[in-house]
């Protein structure tokens, strides 16, 4: 699931502030992805070779992949929202603290970075 698709889920089921957080991160992610593509400037194969007939044409550069970049950012943002964001609901009235152990935090961080 990419961050664009996650925005619709948060818009329907989440709070407005959480949606704005994800939308802002999505815009920054798109800006960084396009900037990295323009810096790296690796053209797609059908732009170099006329014998390749593309089905769907994208005129932007191919590397780094925008889909993999969005998946990476999405995994990290979800992990940061779970650990550092405000909880959606509480078990007890007045309880606003959620505790996660440090090893569990680093395991989830490494899984998000690996994703």
PDB file of N, CA and C in Angstrom:
ATOM      1  N   UNK A   1       0.848  -1.169   0.000  1.00  0.00           N
ATOM      2  CA  UNK A   1       0.000   0.000   0.000  1.00  0.00           C
ATOM      3  C   UNK A   1       0.895   1.234   0.000  1.00  0.00           C
ATOM      4  N   UNK A   2       0.646   2.099  -0.947  1.00  0.00           N
ATOM      5  CA  UNK A   2       1.420   3.319  -1.021  1.00  0.00           C
ATOM      6  C   UNK A   2       0.781   4.401  -0.171  1.00  0.00           C
ATOM      7  N   UNK A   3       1.498   5.468   0.000  1.00  0.00           N
ATOM      8  CA  UNK A   3       1.019   6.555   0.844  1.00  0.00           C
ATOM      9  C   UNK A   3      -0.208   7.224   0.229  1.00  0.00           C
ATOM     10  N   UNK A   4      -0.315   7.262  -1.109  1.00  0.00           N
ATOM     11  CA  UNK A   4      -1.490   7.862  -1.750  1.00  0.00           C
ATOM     12  C   UNK A   4      -2.751   7.090  -1.375  1.00  0.00           C
ATOM     13  N   UNK A   5      -2.660   5.771  -1.392  1.00  0.00           N
ATOM     14  CA  UNK A   5      -3.812   4.938  -1.061  1.00  0.00           C
ATOM     15  C   UNK A   5      -4.151   5.031   0.422  1.00  0.00           C
ATOM     16  N   UNK A   6      -3.139   5.185   1.243  1.00  0.00           N
ATOM     17  CA  UNK A   6      -3.353   5.304   2.682  1.00  0.00           C
ATOM     18  C   UNK A   6      -4.092   6.592   3.024  1.00  0.00           C
ATOM     19  N   UNK A   7      -3.925   7.629   2.203  1.00  0.00           N
ATOM     20  CA  UNK A   7      -4.611   8.887   2.450  1.00  0.00           C
ATOM     21  C   UNK A   7      -6.123   8.721   2.437  1.00  0.00           C
ATOM     22  N   UNK A   8      -6.646   7.915   1.522  1.00  0.00           N
ATOM     23  CA  UNK A   8      -8.090   7.711   1.454  1.00  0.00           C
ATOM     24  C   UNK A   8      -8.604   6.970   2.684  1.00  0.00           C
ATOM     25  N   UNK A   9      -7.837   6.009   3.169  1.00  0.00           N
ATOM     26  CA  UNK A   9      -8.235   5.276   4.372  1.00  0.00           C
ATOM     27  C   UNK A   9      -8.256   6.210   5.581  1.00  0.00           C
ATOM     28  N   UNK A  10      -7.236   7.047   5.701  1.00  0.00           N
ATOM     29  CA  UNK A  10      -7.163   7.982   6.833  1.00  0.00           C
ATOM     30  C   UNK A  10      -8.254   9.039   6.708  1.00  0.00           C
ATOM     31  N   UNK A  11      -8.566   9.466   5.486  1.00  0.00           N
ATOM     32  CA  UNK A  11      -9.620  10.457   5.295  1.00  0.00           C
ATOM     33  C   UNK A  11     -10.970   9.916   5.751  1.00  0.00           C
ATOM     34  N   UNK A  12     -11.238   8.652   5.476  1.00  0.00           N
ATOM     35  CA  UNK A  12     -12.528   8.068   5.829  1.00  0.00           C
ATOM     36  C   UNK A  12     -12.591   7.711   7.316  1.00  0.00           C
ATOM     37  N   UNK A  13     -11.545   7.058   7.838  1.00  0.00           N
ATOM     38  CA  UNK A  13     -11.606   6.511   9.193  1.00  0.00           C
ATOM     39  C   UNK A  13     -10.823   7.306  10.229  1.00  0.00           C
ATOM     40  N   UNK A  14      -9.950   8.210   9.820  1.00  0.00           N
ATOM     41  CA  UNK A  14      -9.084   8.899  10.769  1.00  0.00           C
ATOM     42  C   UNK A  14      -9.547  10.303  11.079  1.00  0.00           C
ATOM     43  N   UNK A  15      -8.725  10.984  11.844  1.00  0.00           N
ATOM     44  CA  UNK A  15      -9.027  12.365  12.209  1.00  0.00           C
ATOM     45  C   UNK A  15      -8.511  13.310  11.127  1.00  0.00           C
ATOM     46  N   UNK A  16      -8.983  14.543  11.167  1.00  0.00           N
ATOM     47  CA  UNK A  16      -8.573  15.526  10.174  1.00  0.00           C
ATOM     48  C   UNK A  16      -7.094  15.869  10.319  1.00  0.00           C
ATOM     49  N   UNK A  17      -6.616  15.966  11.560  1.00  0.00           N
ATOM     50  CA  UNK A  17      -5.204  16.304  11.765  1.00  0.00           C
ATOM     51  C   UNK A  17      -4.288  15.187  11.271  1.00  0.00           C
ATOM     52  N   UNK A  18      -4.699  13.942  11.464  1.00  0.00           N
ATOM     53  CA  UNK A  18      -3.906  12.819  10.978  1.00  0.00           C
ATOM     54  C   UNK A  18      -3.878  12.800   9.447  1.00  0.00           C
ATOM     55  N   UNK A  19      -5.018  13.121   8.816  1.00  0.00           N
ATOM     56  CA  UNK A  19      -5.073  13.194   7.357  1.00  0.00           C
ATOM     57  C   UNK A  19      -4.142  14.289   6.841  1.00  0.00           C
ATOM     58  N   UNK A  20      -4.137  15.454   7.493  1.00  0.00           N
ATOM     59  CA  UNK A  20      -3.267  16.545   7.052  1.00  0.00           C
ATOM     60  C   UNK A  20      -1.793  16.171   7.221  1.00  0.00           C
ATOM     61  N   UNK A  21      -1.476  15.443   8.279  1.00  0.00           N
ATOM     62  CA  UNK A  21      -0.101  14.967   8.495  1.00  0.00           C
ATOM     63  C   UNK A  21       0.319  14.051   7.348  1.00  0.00           C
ATOM     64  N   UNK A  22      -0.535  13.068   7.004  1.00  0.00           N
ATOM     65  CA  UNK A  22      -0.205  12.155   5.919  1.00  0.00           C
ATOM     66  C   UNK A  22      -0.163  12.870   4.569  1.00  0.00           C
ATOM     67  N   UNK A  23      -1.038  13.835   4.339  1.00  0.00           N
ATOM     68  CA  UNK A  23      -1.034  14.580   3.079  1.00  0.00           C
ATOM     69  C   UNK A  23       0.242  15.416   2.947  1.00  0.00           C
ATOM     70  N   UNK A  24       0.673  16.045   4.037  1.00  0.00           N
ATOM     71  CA  UNK A  24       1.904  16.835   3.997  1.00  0.00           C
ATOM     72  C   UNK A  24       3.117  15.940   3.731  1.00  0.00           C
ATOM     73  N   UNK A  25       3.158  14.785   4.379  1.00  0.00           N
ATOM     74  CA  UNK A  25       4.268  13.858   4.155  1.00  0.00           C
ATOM     75  C   UNK A  25       4.246  13.339   2.724  1.00  0.00           C
ATOM     76  N   UNK A  26       3.055  13.110   2.167  1.00  0.00           N
ATOM     77  CA  UNK A  26       2.933  12.644   0.791  1.00  0.00           C
ATOM     78  C   UNK A  26       3.448  13.700  -0.188  1.00  0.00           C
ATOM     79  N   UNK A  27       3.124  14.961   0.044  1.00  0.00           N
ATOM     80  CA  UNK A  27       3.615  16.023  -0.841  1.00  0.00           C
ATOM     81  C   UNK A  27       5.132  16.153  -0.758  1.00  0.00           C
ATOM     82  N   UNK A  28       5.677  16.070   0.439  1.00  0.00           N
ATOM     83  CA  UNK A  28       7.134  16.147   0.597  1.00  0.00           C
ATOM     84  C   UNK A  28       7.801  14.937  -0.065  1.00  0.00           C
ATOM     85  N   UNK A  29       7.172  13.774   0.059  1.00  0.00           N
ATOM     86  CA  UNK A  29       7.697  12.563  -0.560  1.00  0.00           C
ATOM     87  C   UNK A  29       7.725  12.684  -2.086  1.00  0.00           C
ATOM     88  N   UNK A  30       6.656  13.210  -2.668  1.00  0.00           N
ATOM     89  CA  UNK A  30       6.615  13.397  -4.115  1.00  0.00           C
ATOM     90  C   UNK A  30       7.664  14.404  -4.571  1.00  0.00           C
ATOM     91  N   UNK A  31       7.833  15.471  -3.808  1.00  0.00           N
ATOM     92  CA  UNK A  31       8.838  16.482  -4.142  1.00  0.00           C
ATOM     93  C   UNK A  31      10.244  15.891  -4.094  1.00  0.00           C
ATOM     94  N   UNK A  32      10.532  15.124  -3.044  1.00  0.00           N
ATOM     95  CA  UNK A  32      11.855  14.502  -2.932  1.00  0.00           C
ATOM     96  C   UNK A  32      12.090  13.464  -4.025  1.00  0.00           C
ATOM     97  N   UNK A  33      11.073  12.682  -4.340  1.00  0.00           N
ATOM     98  CA  UNK A  33      11.204  11.660  -5.374  1.00  0.00           C
ATOM     99  C   UNK A  33      11.485  12.292  -6.733  1.00  0.00           C
ATOM    100  N   UNK A  34      10.725  13.326  -7.078  1.00  0.00           N
ATOM    101  CA  UNK A  34      10.956  13.992  -8.361  1.00  0.00           C
ATOM    102  C   UNK A  34      12.299  14.701  -8.397  1.00  0.00           C
ATOM    103  N   UNK A  35      12.715  15.270  -7.266  1.00  0.00           N
ATOM    104  CA  UNK A  35      14.026  15.927  -7.219  1.00  0.00           C
ATOM    105  C   UNK A  35      15.148  14.916  -7.394  1.00  0.00           C
ATOM    106  N   UNK A  36      15.027  13.758  -6.747  1.00  0.00           N
ATOM    107  CA  UNK A  36      16.055  12.721  -6.897  1.00  0.00           C
ATOM    108  C   UNK A  36      16.105  12.196  -8.326  1.00  0.00           C
ATOM    109  N   UNK A  37      14.942  12.067  -8.970  1.00  0.00           N
ATOM    110  CA  UNK A  37      14.919  11.617 -10.373  1.00  0.00           C
ATOM    111  C   UNK A  37      15.622  12.621 -11.275  1.00  0.00           C
ATOM    112  N   UNK A  38      15.397  13.915 -11.043  1.00  0.00           N
ATOM    113  CA  UNK A  38      16.040  14.931 -11.879  1.00  0.00           C
ATOM    114  C   UNK A  38      17.528  15.039 -11.613  1.00  0.00           C
ATOM    115  N   UNK A  39      17.953  14.793 -10.386  1.00  0.00           N
ATOM    116  CA  UNK A  39      19.386  14.830 -10.077  1.00  0.00           C
ATOM    117  C   UNK A  39      20.092  13.632 -10.679  1.00  0.00           C
ATOM    118  N   UNK A  40      19.492  12.454 -10.536  1.00  0.00           N
ATOM    119  CA  UNK A  40      20.105  11.218 -11.038  1.00  0.00           C
ATOM    120  C   UNK A  40      20.030  11.149 -12.558  1.00  0.00           C
ATOM    121  N   UNK A  41      18.926  11.607 -13.153  1.00  0.00           N
ATOM    122  CA  UNK A  41      18.726  11.742 -14.598  1.00  0.00           C
ATOM    123  C   UNK A  41      19.025  10.457 -15.380  1.00  0.00           C
ATOM    124  N   UNK A  42      18.397   9.367 -14.983  1.00  0.00           N
ATOM    125  CA  UNK A  42      18.549   8.098 -15.688  1.00  0.00           C
ATOM    126  C   UNK A  42      17.309   7.892 -16.569  1.00  0.00           C
ATOM    127  N   UNK A  43      17.448   8.004 -17.907  1.00  0.00           N
ATOM    128  CA  UNK A  43      16.275   7.897 -18.774  1.00  0.00           C
ATOM    129  C   UNK A  43      15.733   6.472 -18.843  1.00  0.00           C
ATOM    130  N   UNK A  44      14.458   6.372 -19.171  1.00  0.00           N
ATOM    131  CA  UNK A  44      13.829   5.064 -19.344  1.00  0.00           C
ATOM    132  C   UNK A  44      14.341   4.427 -20.633  1.00  0.00           C
ATOM    133  N   UNK A  45      14.324   3.088 -20.712  1.00  0.00           N
ATOM    134  CA  UNK A  45      14.911   2.409 -21.881  1.00  0.00           C
ATOM    135  C   UNK A  45      14.270   2.786 -23.209  1.00  0.00           C
ATOM    136  N   UNK A  46      12.964   3.008 -23.259  1.00  0.00           N
ATOM    137  CA  UNK A  46      12.338   3.324 -24.539  1.00  0.00           C
ATOM    138  C   UNK A  46      12.662   4.734 -25.017  1.00  0.00           C
ATOM    139  N   UNK A  47      13.205   5.580 -24.131  1.00  0.00           N
ATOM    140  CA  UNK A  47      13.657   6.890 -24.572  1.00  0.00           C
ATOM    141  C   UNK A  47      15.012   6.814 -25.263  1.00  0.00           C
ATOM    142  N   UNK A  48      15.770   5.763 -24.988  1.00  0.00           N
ATOM    143  CA  UNK A  48      17.090   5.587 -25.596  1.00  0.00           C
ATOM    144  C   UNK A  48      17.060   4.722 -26.843  1.00  0.00           C
ATOM    145  N   UNK A  49      16.164   3.738 -26.859  1.00  0.00           N
ATOM    146  CA  UNK A  49      16.113   2.773 -27.955  1.00  0.00           C
ATOM    147  C   UNK A  49      14.759   2.883 -28.647  1.00  0.00           C
ATOM    148  N   UNK A  50      14.780   3.211 -29.934  1.00  0.00           N
ATOM    149  CA  UNK A  50      13.545   3.377 -30.692  1.00  0.00           C
ATOM    150  C   UNK A  50      12.841   2.071 -31.006  1.00  0.00           C
ATOM    151  N   UNK A  51      13.529   0.931 -30.840  1.00  0.00           N
ATOM    152  CA  UNK A  51      12.916  -0.363 -31.135  1.00  0.00           C
ATOM    153  C   UNK A  51      11.959  -0.827 -30.037  1.00  0.00           C
ATOM    154  N   UNK A  52      12.047  -0.240 -28.874  1.00  0.00           N
ATOM    155  CA  UNK A  52      11.168  -0.609 -27.759  1.00  0.00           C
ATOM    156  C   UNK A  52       9.879   0.185 -27.889  1.00  0.00           C
ATOM    157  N   UNK A  53       8.767  -0.519 -27.977  1.00  0.00           N
ATOM    158  CA  UNK A  53       7.452   0.121 -28.097  1.00  0.00           C
ATOM    159  C   UNK A  53       6.741   0.073 -26.742  1.00  0.00           C
ATOM    160  N   UNK A  54       6.649   1.198 -26.064  1.00  0.00           N
ATOM    161  CA  UNK A  54       6.002   1.199 -24.754  1.00  0.00           C
ATOM    162  C   UNK A  54       4.482   1.128 -24.881  1.00  0.00           C
ATOM    163  N   UNK A  55       3.861   0.517 -23.890  1.00  0.00           N
ATOM    164  CA  UNK A  55       2.402   0.457 -23.842  1.00  0.00           C
ATOM    165  C   UNK A  55       1.858   1.748 -23.245  1.00  0.00           C
ATOM    166  N   UNK A  56       2.482   2.180 -22.193  1.00  0.00           N
ATOM    167  CA  UNK A  56       2.099   3.396 -21.498  1.00  0.00           C
ATOM    168  C   UNK A  56       3.343   4.264 -21.366  1.00  0.00           C
ATOM    169  N   UNK A  57       3.287   5.481 -21.815  1.00  0.00           N
ATOM    170  CA  UNK A  57       4.486   6.329 -21.812  1.00  0.00           C
ATOM    171  C   UNK A  57       4.519   7.251 -20.601  1.00  0.00           C
ATOM    172  N   UNK A  58       5.652   7.272 -19.956  1.00  0.00           N
ATOM    173  CA  UNK A  58       5.947   8.251 -18.917  1.00  0.00           C
ATOM    174  C   UNK A  58       7.210   8.967 -19.358  1.00  0.00           C
ATOM    175  N   UNK A  59       7.155  10.262 -19.422  1.00  0.00           N
ATOM    176  CA  UNK A  59       8.296  11.012 -19.928  1.00  0.00           C
ATOM    177  C   UNK A  59       9.288  11.390 -18.850  1.00  0.00           C
ATOM    178  N   UNK A  60       8.998  11.060 -17.611  1.00  0.00           N
ATOM    179  CA  UNK A  60       9.935  11.370 -16.532  1.00  0.00           C
ATOM    180  C   UNK A  60      11.050  10.324 -16.501  1.00  0.00           C
ATOM    181  N   UNK A  61      12.069  10.625 -15.736  1.00  0.00           N
ATOM    182  CA  UNK A  61      13.172   9.686 -15.581  1.00  0.00           C
ATOM    183  C   UNK A  61      12.714   8.480 -14.777  1.00  0.00           C
ATOM    184  N   UNK A  62      13.444   7.362 -14.924  1.00  0.00           N
ATOM    185  CA  UNK A  62      13.019   6.111 -14.317  1.00  0.00           C
ATOM    186  C   UNK A  62      13.588   5.815 -12.947  1.00  0.00           C
ATOM    187  N   UNK A  63      14.788   6.255 -12.672  1.00  0.00           N
ATOM    188  CA  UNK A  63      15.419   5.934 -11.398  1.00  0.00           C
ATOM    189  C   UNK A  63      15.641   7.198 -10.595  1.00  0.00           C
ATOM    190  N   UNK A  64      15.505   7.134  -9.294  1.00  0.00           N
ATOM    191  CA  UNK A  64      15.017   6.055  -8.442  1.00  0.00           C
ATOM    192  C   UNK A  64      13.512   5.884  -8.606  1.00  0.00           C
ATOM    193  N   UNK A  65      13.053   4.693  -8.358  1.00  0.00           N
ATOM    194  CA  UNK A  65      11.653   4.355  -8.570  1.00  0.00           C
ATOM    195  C   UNK A  65      10.757   5.128  -7.609  1.00  0.00           C
ATOM    196  N   UNK A  66       9.750   5.763  -8.163  1.00  0.00           N
ATOM    197  CA  UNK A  66       8.811   6.512  -7.335  1.00  0.00           C
ATOM    198  C   UNK A  66       7.955   5.611  -6.474  1.00  0.00           C
ATOM    199  N   UNK A  67       7.609   4.421  -6.997  1.00  0.00           N
ATOM    200  CA  UNK A  67       6.787   3.491  -6.226  1.00  0.00           C
ATOM    201  C   UNK A  67       7.555   2.942  -5.020  1.00  0.00           C
ATOM    202  N   UNK A  68       8.806   2.580  -5.214  1.00  0.00           N
ATOM    203  CA  UNK A  68       9.578   2.060  -4.081  1.00  0.00           C
ATOM    204  C   UNK A  68       9.866   3.168  -3.068  1.00  0.00           C
ATOM    205  N   UNK A  69      10.075   4.377  -3.541  1.00  0.00           N
ATOM    206  CA  UNK A  69      10.301   5.504  -2.636  1.00  0.00           C
ATOM    207  C   UNK A  69       9.052   5.766  -1.796  1.00  0.00           C
ATOM    208  N   UNK A  70       7.867   5.727  -2.430  1.00  0.00           N
ATOM    209  CA  UNK A  70       6.611   5.954  -1.702  1.00  0.00           C
ATOM    210  C   UNK A  70       6.339   4.831  -0.705  1.00  0.00           C
ATOM    211  N   UNK A  71       6.674   3.594  -1.063  1.00  0.00           N
ATOM    212  CA  UNK A  71       6.472   2.475  -0.140  1.00  0.00           C
ATOM    213  C   UNK A  71       7.385   2.609   1.075  1.00  0.00           C
ATOM    214  N   UNK A  72       8.614   3.029   0.859  1.00  0.00           N
ATOM    215  CA  UNK A  72       9.561   3.212   1.957  1.00  0.00           C
ATOM    216  C   UNK A  72       9.097   4.331   2.893  1.00  0.00           C
ATOM    217  N   UNK A  73       8.712   5.461   2.314  1.00  0.00           N
ATOM    218  CA  UNK A  73       8.245   6.585   3.128  1.00  0.00           C
ATOM    219  C   UNK A  73       6.967   6.203   3.870  1.00  0.00           C
ATOM    220  N   UNK A  74       6.076   5.483   3.208  1.00  0.00           N
ATOM    221  CA  UNK A  74       4.834   5.058   3.856  1.00  0.00           C
ATOM    222  C   UNK A  74       5.074   4.173   5.054  1.00  0.00           C
ATOM    223  N   UNK A  75       5.995   3.230   4.932  1.00  0.00           N
ATOM    224  CA  UNK A  75       6.293   2.338   6.057  1.00  0.00           C
ATOM    225  C   UNK A  75       6.894   3.102   7.229  1.00  0.00           C
ATOM    226  N   UNK A  76       7.779   4.023   6.953  1.00  0.00           N
ATOM    227  CA  UNK A  76       8.412   4.794   8.025  1.00  0.00           C
ATOM    228  C   UNK A  76       7.408   5.741   8.681  1.00  0.00           C
ATOM    229  N   UNK A  77       6.540   6.355   7.891  1.00  0.00           N
ATOM    230  CA  UNK A  77       5.555   7.285   8.442  1.00  0.00           C
ATOM    231  C   UNK A  77       4.547   6.552   9.324  1.00  0.00           C
ATOM    232  N   UNK A  78       4.103   5.385   8.891  1.00  0.00           N
ATOM    233  CA  UNK A  78       3.175   4.610   9.711  1.00  0.00           C
ATOM    234  C   UNK A  78       3.843   4.209  11.025  1.00  0.00           C
ATOM    235  N   UNK A  79       5.105   3.772  10.954  1.00  0.00           N
ATOM    236  CA  UNK A  79       5.819   3.379  12.171  1.00  0.00           C
ATOM    237  C   UNK A  79       5.979   4.581  13.106  1.00  0.00           C
ATOM    238  N   UNK A  80       6.329   5.742  12.584  1.00  0.00           N
ATOM    239  CA  UNK A  80       6.476   6.933  13.418  1.00  0.00           C
ATOM    240  C   UNK A  80       5.132   7.381  13.992  1.00  0.00           C
ATOM    241  N   UNK A  81       4.064   7.217  13.222  1.00  0.00           N
ATOM    242  CA  UNK A  81       2.746   7.601  13.719  1.00  0.00           C
ATOM    243  C   UNK A  81       2.287   6.675  14.840  1.00  0.00           C
ATOM    244  N   UNK A  82       2.585   5.407  14.716  1.00  0.00           N
ATOM    245  CA  UNK A  82       2.191   4.466  15.764  1.00  0.00           C
ATOM    246  C   UNK A  82       2.954   4.743  17.052  1.00  0.00           C
ATOM    247  N   UNK A  83       4.246   5.011  16.961  1.00  0.00           N
ATOM    248  CA  UNK A  83       5.062   5.168  18.159  1.00  0.00           C
ATOM    249  C   UNK A  83       5.082   6.591  18.713  1.00  0.00           C
ATOM    250  N   UNK A  84       4.988   7.590  17.861  1.00  0.00           N
ATOM    251  CA  UNK A  84       5.131   8.968  18.330  1.00  0.00           C
ATOM    252  C   UNK A  84       3.872   9.804  18.167  1.00  0.00           C
ATOM    253  N   UNK A  85       2.872   9.302  17.460  1.00  0.00           N
ATOM    254  CA  UNK A  85       1.630  10.040  17.279  1.00  0.00           C
ATOM    255  C   UNK A  85       0.723   9.880  18.485  1.00  0.00           C
ATOM    256  N   UNK A  86      -0.316  10.676  18.504  1.00  0.00           N
ATOM    257  CA  UNK A  86      -1.267  10.555  19.609  1.00  0.00           C
ATOM    258  C   UNK A  86      -2.118   9.313  19.402  1.00  0.00           C
ATOM    259  N   UNK A  87      -2.406   8.576  20.468  1.00  0.00           N
ATOM    260  CA  UNK A  87      -3.206   7.360  20.338  1.00  0.00           C
ATOM    261  C   UNK A  87      -4.618   7.663  19.848  1.00  0.00           C
ATOM    262  N   UNK A  88      -5.191   6.744  19.108  1.00  0.00           N
ATOM    263  CA  UNK A  88      -6.538   6.936  18.586  1.00  0.00           C
ATOM    264  C   UNK A  88      -7.562   6.717  19.685  1.00  0.00           C
ATOM    265  N   UNK A  89      -7.346   5.731  20.533  1.00  0.00           N
ATOM    266  CA  UNK A  89      -8.255   5.487  21.645  1.00  0.00           C
ATOM    267  C   UNK A  89      -7.440   5.011  22.840  1.00  0.00           C
ATOM    268  N   UNK A  90      -8.055   5.068  24.018  1.00  0.00           N
ATOM    269  CA  UNK A  90      -7.379   4.669  25.240  1.00  0.00           C
ATOM    270  C   UNK A  90      -8.158   3.549  25.906  1.00  0.00           C
ATOM    271  N   UNK A  91      -7.437   2.710  26.634  1.00  0.00           N
ATOM    272  CA  UNK A  91      -8.093   1.626  27.356  1.00  0.00           C
ATOM    273  C   UNK A  91      -8.814   2.134  28.607  1.00  0.00           C
ATOM    274  N   UNK A  92      -8.193   3.067  29.301  1.00  0.00           N
ATOM    275  CA  UNK A  92      -8.780   3.602  30.536  1.00  0.00           C
ATOM    276  C   UNK A  92      -9.032   5.093  30.357  1.00  0.00           C
ATOM    277  N   UNK A  93      -9.996   5.605  31.075  1.00  0.00           N
ATOM    278  CA  UNK A  93     -10.313   7.029  30.997  1.00  0.00           C
ATOM    279  C   UNK A  93      -9.161   7.817  31.619  1.00  0.00           C
ATOM    280  N   UNK A  94      -8.701   8.819  30.911  1.00  0.00           N
ATOM    281  CA  UNK A  94      -7.615   9.649  31.406  1.00  0.00           C
ATOM    282  C   UNK A  94      -6.233   9.090  31.120  1.00  0.00           C
ATOM    283  N   UNK A  95      -6.139   7.903  30.553  1.00  0.00           N
ATOM    284  CA  UNK A  95      -4.842   7.296  30.250  1.00  0.00           C
ATOM    285  C   UNK A  95      -4.400   7.780  28.871  1.00  0.00           C
ATOM    286  N   UNK A  96      -3.336   8.562  28.827  1.00  0.00           N
ATOM    287  CA  UNK A  96      -2.868   9.071  27.547  1.00  0.00           C
ATOM    288  C   UNK A  96      -1.436   8.636  27.244  1.00  0.00           C
ATOM    289  N   UNK A  97      -0.952   7.642  27.931  1.00  0.00           N
ATOM    290  CA  UNK A  97       0.401   7.146  27.708  1.00  0.00           C
ATOM    291  C   UNK A  97       0.359   5.735  27.134  1.00  0.00           C
ATOM    292  N   UNK A  98       1.096   5.530  26.073  1.00  0.00           N
ATOM    293  CA  UNK A  98       1.257   4.200  25.503  1.00  0.00           C
ATOM    294  C   UNK A  98       2.740   3.879  25.599  1.00  0.00           C
ATOM    295  N   UNK A  99       3.072   2.745  26.203  1.00  0.00           N
ATOM    296  CA  UNK A  99       4.475   2.394  26.393  1.00  0.00           C
ATOM    297  C   UNK A  99       4.844   1.235  25.478  1.00  0.00           C
ATOM    298  N   UNK A 100       5.903   1.426  24.733  1.00  0.00           N
ATOM    299  CA  UNK A 100       6.490   0.364  23.924  1.00  0.00           C
ATOM    300  C   UNK A 100       7.927   0.212  24.383  1.00  0.00           C
ATOM    301  N   UNK A 101       8.381  -1.009  24.510  1.00  0.00           N
ATOM    302  CA  UNK A 101       9.752  -1.225  24.964  1.00  0.00           C
ATOM    303  C   UNK A 101      10.731  -0.785  23.885  1.00  0.00           C
ATOM    304  N   UNK A 102      11.933  -0.439  24.312  1.00  0.00           N
ATOM    305  CA  UNK A 102      12.960   0.023  23.376  1.00  0.00           C
ATOM    306  C   UNK A 102      13.342  -1.048  22.352  1.00  0.00           C
ATOM    307  N   UNK A 103      13.500  -2.325  22.739  1.00  0.00           N
ATOM    308  CA  UNK A 103      13.806  -3.342  21.717  1.00  0.00           C
ATOM    309  C   UNK A 103      12.680  -3.493  20.684  1.00  0.00           C
ATOM    310  N   UNK A 104      11.414  -3.432  21.138  1.00  0.00           N
ATOM    311  CA  UNK A 104      10.295  -3.521  20.203  1.00  0.00           C
ATOM    312  C   UNK A 104      10.298  -2.349  19.234  1.00  0.00           C
ATOM    313  N   UNK A 105      10.634  -1.146  19.725  1.00  0.00           N
ATOM    314  CA  UNK A 105      10.723   0.044  18.882  1.00  0.00           C
ATOM    315  C   UNK A 105      11.788  -0.145  17.797  1.00  0.00           C
ATOM    316  N   UNK A 106      12.961  -0.621  18.185  1.00  0.00           N
ATOM    317  CA  UNK A 106      14.044  -0.790  17.209  1.00  0.00           C
ATOM    318  C   UNK A 106      13.762  -1.934  16.240  1.00  0.00           C
ATOM    319  N   UNK A 107      13.059  -2.948  16.682  1.00  0.00           N
ATOM    320  CA  UNK A 107      12.662  -4.023  15.768  1.00  0.00           C
ATOM    321  C   UNK A 107      11.694  -3.473  14.721  1.00  0.00           C
ATOM    322  N   UNK A 108      10.716  -2.694  15.156  1.00  0.00           N
ATOM    323  CA  UNK A 108       9.760  -2.115  14.207  1.00  0.00           C
ATOM    324  C   UNK A 108      10.434  -1.104  13.283  1.00  0.00           C
ATOM    325  N   UNK A 109      11.371  -0.325  13.804  1.00  0.00           N
ATOM    326  CA  UNK A 109      12.102   0.617  12.969  1.00  0.00           C
ATOM    327  C   UNK A 109      12.920  -0.110  11.906  1.00  0.00           C
ATOM    328  N   UNK A 110      13.602  -1.179  12.292  1.00  0.00           N
ATOM    329  CA  UNK A 110      14.391  -1.921  11.304  1.00  0.00           C
ATOM    330  C   UNK A 110      13.484  -2.593  10.267  1.00  0.00           C
ATOM    331  N   UNK A 111      12.297  -3.057  10.688  1.00  0.00           N
ATOM    332  CA  UNK A 111      11.364  -3.647   9.723  1.00  0.00           C
ATOM    333  C   UNK A 111      10.838  -2.579   8.760  1.00  0.00           C
ATOM    334  N   UNK A 112      10.577  -1.367   9.246  1.00  0.00           N
ATOM    335  CA  UNK A 112      10.103  -0.293   8.383  1.00  0.00           C
ATOM    336  C   UNK A 112      11.185   0.137   7.403  1.00  0.00           C
ATOM    337  N   UNK A 113      12.433   0.185   7.866  1.00  0.00           N
ATOM    338  CA  UNK A 113      13.539   0.544   6.970  1.00  0.00           C
ATOM    339  C   UNK A 113      13.804  -0.564   5.949  1.00  0.00           C
ATOM    340  N   UNK A 114      13.632  -1.815   6.363  1.00  0.00           N
ATOM    341  CA  UNK A 114      13.844  -2.937   5.452  1.00  0.00           C
ATOM    342  C   UNK A 114      12.747  -2.985   4.393  1.00  0.00           C
ATOM    343  N   UNK A 115      11.536  -2.589   4.759  1.00  0.00           N
ATOM    344  CA  UNK A 115      10.390  -2.650   3.855  1.00  0.00           C
ATOM    345  C   UNK A 115      10.707  -1.913   2.579  1.00  0.00           C
TER     346      UNK A 115
END
